[in-house]
Amino acid sequence: MTASTHAHIVLDPAILAGKPIVRGTRLSVDFVIGLLADGWSEDQIVENYPGLSHDDVLACLAYVRDMLRASASIRLLRDDALALQREHSTSSR
C-alpha cells in the first residue's frame, strides 16, 4: 500500500461505522467499487458525485486490490501454520 494512494482513503469510527471512505466525503470505498461493478464509468461517477476525483476512484481500486493481496497473504500464512501443526501432531504420535 502506498501512502500517496491511500491518503485518499480514511477509516473513521464516527463515519459509516468505520468503513473505509474517500477522504472528505461520506462515500465508502465499497460504494464506489459497487458503482464500477454496476457498469458506471469513472466519468459518470465523478459527474454524479462532484466530491470525487479521478484520483479518488483510482485510490478506491488500489485500496481494494491491496486488501485482497493482504487477505491472500494471510490465508497462505494460515494454511502454512495449519500444515505445520498437522505435521507436528502426526509426528508426535
N, C-alpha and C. Protein backbone atom coordinates (compact mmCIF):
# COMPACT_ATOMS: atom_id res chain seq x y z
N MET A 1 0.84 -1.17 0.00
CA MET A 1 0.00 0.00 0.00
C MET A 1 0.88 1.24 0.00
N THR A 2 0.56 2.13 -0.88
CA THR A 2 1.36 3.34 -0.92
C THR A 2 0.65 4.44 -0.14
N ALA A 3 1.42 5.21 0.58
CA ALA A 3 0.84 6.28 1.39
C ALA A 3 0.12 7.30 0.52
N SER A 4 0.67 7.59 -0.67
CA SER A 4 0.03 8.60 -1.52
C SER A 4 -1.32 8.12 -2.03
N THR A 5 -1.42 6.87 -2.39
CA THR A 5 -2.70 6.32 -2.87
C THR A 5 -3.70 6.26 -1.73
N HIS A 6 -3.25 5.72 -0.60
CA HIS A 6 -4.19 5.53 0.50
C HIS A 6 -4.41 6.79 1.31
N ALA A 7 -3.74 7.87 0.96
CA ALA A 7 -4.02 9.15 1.61
C ALA A 7 -5.44 9.60 1.25
N HIS A 8 -5.96 9.08 0.16
CA HIS A 8 -7.33 9.41 -0.27
C HIS A 8 -8.37 8.62 0.52
N ILE A 9 -7.96 7.56 1.19
CA ILE A 9 -8.88 6.66 1.88
C ILE A 9 -8.65 6.78 3.39
N VAL A 10 -9.74 6.94 4.14
CA VAL A 10 -9.63 7.03 5.59
C VAL A 10 -10.63 6.09 6.25
N LEU A 11 -10.30 5.71 7.47
CA LEU A 11 -11.20 4.92 8.30
C LEU A 11 -11.45 5.75 9.56
N ASP A 12 -12.69 6.14 9.76
CA ASP A 12 -13.06 6.97 10.90
C ASP A 12 -14.27 6.32 11.57
N PRO A 13 -14.11 5.87 12.82
CA PRO A 13 -15.22 5.20 13.50
C PRO A 13 -16.49 6.05 13.57
N ALA A 14 -16.35 7.36 13.46
CA ALA A 14 -17.50 8.25 13.53
C ALA A 14 -18.24 8.37 12.20
N ILE A 15 -17.67 7.84 11.14
CA ILE A 15 -18.30 7.94 9.81
C ILE A 15 -18.53 6.54 9.26
N LEU A 16 -19.78 6.23 8.97
CA LEU A 16 -20.17 4.94 8.39
C LEU A 16 -19.60 3.76 9.17
N ALA A 17 -19.62 3.87 10.48
CA ALA A 17 -19.18 2.79 11.38
C ALA A 17 -17.74 2.34 11.10
N GLY A 18 -16.91 3.27 10.63
CA GLY A 18 -15.51 2.94 10.43
C GLY A 18 -15.17 2.28 9.11
N LYS A 19 -16.15 2.20 8.20
CA LYS A 19 -15.84 1.64 6.87
C LYS A 19 -14.85 2.55 6.16
N PRO A 20 -14.01 1.99 5.29
CA PRO A 20 -13.11 2.85 4.53
C PRO A 20 -13.90 3.78 3.60
N ILE A 21 -13.59 5.06 3.68
CA ILE A 21 -14.30 6.06 2.87
C ILE A 21 -13.28 6.92 2.12
N VAL A 22 -13.78 7.62 1.13
CA VAL A 22 -12.96 8.59 0.41
C VAL A 22 -12.86 9.83 1.29
N ARG A 23 -11.62 10.26 1.54
CA ARG A 23 -11.37 11.42 2.41
C ARG A 23 -12.23 12.61 1.98
N GLY A 24 -12.84 13.25 2.96
CA GLY A 24 -13.63 14.45 2.69
C GLY A 24 -15.05 14.16 2.22
N THR A 25 -15.43 12.88 2.20
CA THR A 25 -16.79 12.51 1.77
C THR A 25 -17.37 11.52 2.77
N ARG A 26 -18.60 11.16 2.53
CA ARG A 26 -19.22 10.06 3.27
C ARG A 26 -19.47 8.89 2.31
N LEU A 27 -18.67 8.82 1.27
CA LEU A 27 -18.79 7.75 0.27
C LEU A 27 -17.80 6.65 0.59
N SER A 28 -18.32 5.45 0.80
CA SER A 28 -17.45 4.33 1.15
C SER A 28 -16.77 3.77 -0.10
N VAL A 29 -15.62 3.16 0.15
CA VAL A 29 -14.88 2.52 -0.94
C VAL A 29 -15.77 1.47 -1.61
N ASP A 30 -16.48 0.66 -0.82
CA ASP A 30 -17.30 -0.38 -1.44
C ASP A 30 -18.44 0.21 -2.27
N PHE A 31 -18.93 1.40 -1.91
CA PHE A 31 -19.96 2.06 -2.72
C PHE A 31 -19.40 2.42 -4.09
N VAL A 32 -18.20 3.03 -4.10
CA VAL A 32 -17.58 3.44 -5.37
C VAL A 32 -17.26 2.20 -6.22
N ILE A 33 -16.72 1.16 -5.60
CA ILE A 33 -16.41 -0.07 -6.32
C ILE A 33 -17.71 -0.69 -6.85
N GLY A 34 -18.77 -0.60 -6.06
CA GLY A 34 -20.07 -1.12 -6.49
C GLY A 34 -20.59 -0.41 -7.73
N LEU A 35 -20.40 0.91 -7.77
CA LEU A 35 -20.82 1.65 -8.97
C LEU A 35 -20.06 1.16 -10.20
N LEU A 36 -18.75 0.97 -10.04
CA LEU A 36 -17.94 0.46 -11.16
C LEU A 36 -18.42 -0.94 -11.57
N ALA A 37 -18.69 -1.78 -10.58
CA ALA A 37 -19.16 -3.14 -10.86
C ALA A 37 -20.53 -3.13 -11.54
N ASP A 38 -21.32 -2.11 -11.25
CA ASP A 38 -22.65 -1.99 -11.88
C ASP A 38 -22.59 -1.38 -13.27
N GLY A 39 -21.36 -1.09 -13.74
CA GLY A 39 -21.20 -0.60 -15.11
C GLY A 39 -21.04 0.90 -15.25
N TRP A 40 -21.00 1.62 -14.14
CA TRP A 40 -20.79 3.06 -14.23
C TRP A 40 -19.37 3.32 -14.71
N SER A 41 -19.21 4.31 -15.55
CA SER A 41 -17.87 4.72 -15.95
C SER A 41 -17.31 5.67 -14.89
N GLU A 42 -16.02 5.85 -14.92
CA GLU A 42 -15.40 6.80 -13.99
C GLU A 42 -15.98 8.19 -14.21
N ASP A 43 -16.17 8.58 -15.48
CA ASP A 43 -16.75 9.89 -15.78
C ASP A 43 -18.13 10.05 -15.18
N GLN A 44 -18.96 9.01 -15.26
CA GLN A 44 -20.30 9.08 -14.67
C GLN A 44 -20.23 9.25 -13.16
N ILE A 45 -19.32 8.54 -12.53
CA ILE A 45 -19.19 8.63 -11.07
C ILE A 45 -18.77 10.04 -10.67
N VAL A 46 -17.74 10.55 -11.31
CA VAL A 46 -17.23 11.89 -10.96
C VAL A 46 -18.28 12.96 -11.27
N GLU A 47 -19.03 12.77 -12.34
CA GLU A 47 -20.08 13.74 -12.70
C GLU A 47 -21.22 13.73 -11.68
N ASN A 48 -21.60 12.54 -11.22
CA ASN A 48 -22.72 12.42 -10.28
C ASN A 48 -22.31 12.66 -8.83
N TYR A 49 -21.06 12.53 -8.53
CA TYR A 49 -20.54 12.75 -7.17
C TYR A 49 -19.37 13.72 -7.27
N PRO A 50 -19.68 15.03 -7.35
CA PRO A 50 -18.66 16.04 -7.60
C PRO A 50 -17.55 16.10 -6.55
N GLY A 51 -17.79 15.52 -5.37
CA GLY A 51 -16.74 15.47 -4.35
C GLY A 51 -15.65 14.47 -4.67
N LEU A 52 -15.87 13.64 -5.69
CA LEU A 52 -14.88 12.63 -6.07
C LEU A 52 -14.07 13.08 -7.27
N SER A 53 -12.82 12.68 -7.27
CA SER A 53 -11.93 12.98 -8.39
C SER A 53 -11.45 11.68 -9.03
N HIS A 54 -10.79 11.81 -10.14
CA HIS A 54 -10.16 10.67 -10.82
C HIS A 54 -9.25 9.93 -9.84
N ASP A 55 -8.43 10.67 -9.10
CA ASP A 55 -7.51 10.06 -8.14
C ASP A 55 -8.25 9.32 -7.03
N ASP A 56 -9.41 9.82 -6.63
CA ASP A 56 -10.20 9.15 -5.59
C ASP A 56 -10.69 7.78 -6.09
N VAL A 57 -11.16 7.74 -7.32
CA VAL A 57 -11.64 6.47 -7.89
C VAL A 57 -10.48 5.48 -7.99
N LEU A 58 -9.34 5.95 -8.47
CA LEU A 58 -8.17 5.08 -8.54
C LEU A 58 -7.75 4.60 -7.15
N ALA A 59 -7.84 5.48 -6.16
CA ALA A 59 -7.48 5.10 -4.80
C ALA A 59 -8.41 4.01 -4.26
N CYS A 60 -9.68 4.07 -4.61
CA CYS A 60 -10.62 3.02 -4.20
C CYS A 60 -10.21 1.68 -4.80
N LEU A 61 -9.89 1.70 -6.08
CA LEU A 61 -9.45 0.46 -6.74
C LEU A 61 -8.16 -0.07 -6.11
N ALA A 62 -7.21 0.81 -5.86
CA ALA A 62 -5.94 0.40 -5.26
C ALA A 62 -6.15 -0.14 -3.85
N TYR A 63 -7.04 0.48 -3.10
CA TYR A 63 -7.31 0.03 -1.73
C TYR A 63 -7.86 -1.39 -1.75
N VAL A 64 -8.83 -1.64 -2.61
CA VAL A 64 -9.41 -2.99 -2.68
C VAL A 64 -8.37 -4.00 -3.16
N ARG A 65 -7.57 -3.63 -4.16
CA ARG A 65 -6.51 -4.51 -4.62
C ARG A 65 -5.57 -4.88 -3.47
N ASP A 66 -5.16 -3.88 -2.71
CA ASP A 66 -4.23 -4.13 -1.63
C ASP A 66 -4.86 -4.96 -0.51
N MET A 67 -6.13 -4.75 -0.24
CA MET A 67 -6.82 -5.55 0.78
C MET A 67 -6.93 -7.01 0.34
N LEU A 68 -7.19 -7.23 -0.95
CA LEU A 68 -7.26 -8.60 -1.46
C LEU A 68 -5.90 -9.28 -1.38
N ARG A 69 -4.85 -8.55 -1.72
CA ARG A 69 -3.50 -9.11 -1.62
C ARG A 69 -3.17 -9.47 -0.19
N ALA A 70 -3.50 -8.58 0.73
CA ALA A 70 -3.22 -8.83 2.15
C ALA A 70 -4.02 -10.03 2.64
N SER A 71 -5.26 -10.14 2.21
CA SER A 71 -6.10 -11.26 2.60
C SER A 71 -5.53 -12.58 2.09
N ALA A 72 -5.05 -12.57 0.85
CA ALA A 72 -4.46 -13.78 0.27
C ALA A 72 -3.20 -14.17 1.04
N SER A 73 -2.40 -13.20 1.42
CA SER A 73 -1.18 -13.48 2.19
C SER A 73 -1.52 -14.07 3.55
N ILE A 74 -2.54 -13.54 4.18
CA ILE A 74 -2.96 -14.06 5.49
C ILE A 74 -3.44 -15.50 5.35
N ARG A 75 -4.22 -15.79 4.29
CA ARG A 75 -4.68 -17.17 4.07
C ARG A 75 -3.51 -18.11 3.88
N LEU A 76 -2.51 -17.69 3.10
CA LEU A 76 -1.34 -18.54 2.88
C LEU A 76 -0.60 -18.81 4.18
N LEU A 77 -0.42 -17.80 4.99
CA LEU A 77 0.23 -17.97 6.28
C LEU A 77 -0.57 -18.91 7.18
N ARG A 78 -1.88 -18.74 7.19
CA ARG A 78 -2.74 -19.61 8.00
C ARG A 78 -2.64 -21.05 7.52
N ASP A 79 -2.70 -21.25 6.21
CA ASP A 79 -2.60 -22.61 5.66
C ASP A 79 -1.27 -23.25 5.99
N ASP A 80 -0.18 -22.46 5.92
CA ASP A 80 1.14 -22.98 6.28
C ASP A 80 1.18 -23.37 7.75
N ALA A 81 0.61 -22.53 8.61
CA ALA A 81 0.61 -22.82 10.04
C ALA A 81 -0.20 -24.08 10.34
N LEU A 82 -1.32 -24.25 9.67
CA LEU A 82 -2.14 -25.44 9.87
C LEU A 82 -1.41 -26.70 9.40
N ALA A 83 -0.72 -26.58 8.27
CA ALA A 83 0.04 -27.73 7.76
C ALA A 83 1.16 -28.11 8.74
N LEU A 84 1.86 -27.13 9.28
CA LEU A 84 2.91 -27.40 10.26
C LEU A 84 2.33 -28.04 11.52
N GLN A 85 1.17 -27.54 11.93
CA GLN A 85 0.52 -28.08 13.12
C GLN A 85 0.13 -29.55 12.89
N ARG A 86 -0.39 -29.87 11.71
CA ARG A 86 -0.76 -31.25 11.37
C ARG A 86 0.48 -32.14 11.35
N GLU A 87 1.57 -31.63 10.74
CA GLU A 87 2.81 -32.40 10.71
C GLU A 87 3.32 -32.69 12.12
N HIS A 88 3.27 -31.69 12.96
CA HIS A 88 3.77 -31.84 14.32
C HIS A 88 2.92 -32.85 15.09
N SER A 89 1.59 -32.76 14.96
CA SER A 89 0.73 -33.67 15.71
C SER A 89 0.84 -35.09 15.18
N THR A 90 1.10 -35.25 13.89
CA THR A 90 1.27 -36.58 13.30
C THR A 90 2.61 -37.19 13.73
N SER A 91 3.67 -36.39 13.76
CA SER A 91 5.00 -36.90 14.09
C SER A 91 5.15 -37.16 15.58
N SER A 92 4.33 -36.54 16.42
CA SER A 92 4.48 -36.74 17.86
C SER A 92 3.67 -37.93 18.37
N ARG A 93 3.02 -38.64 17.50
CA ARG A 93 2.21 -39.81 17.91
C ARG A 93 3.05 -41.01 18.01
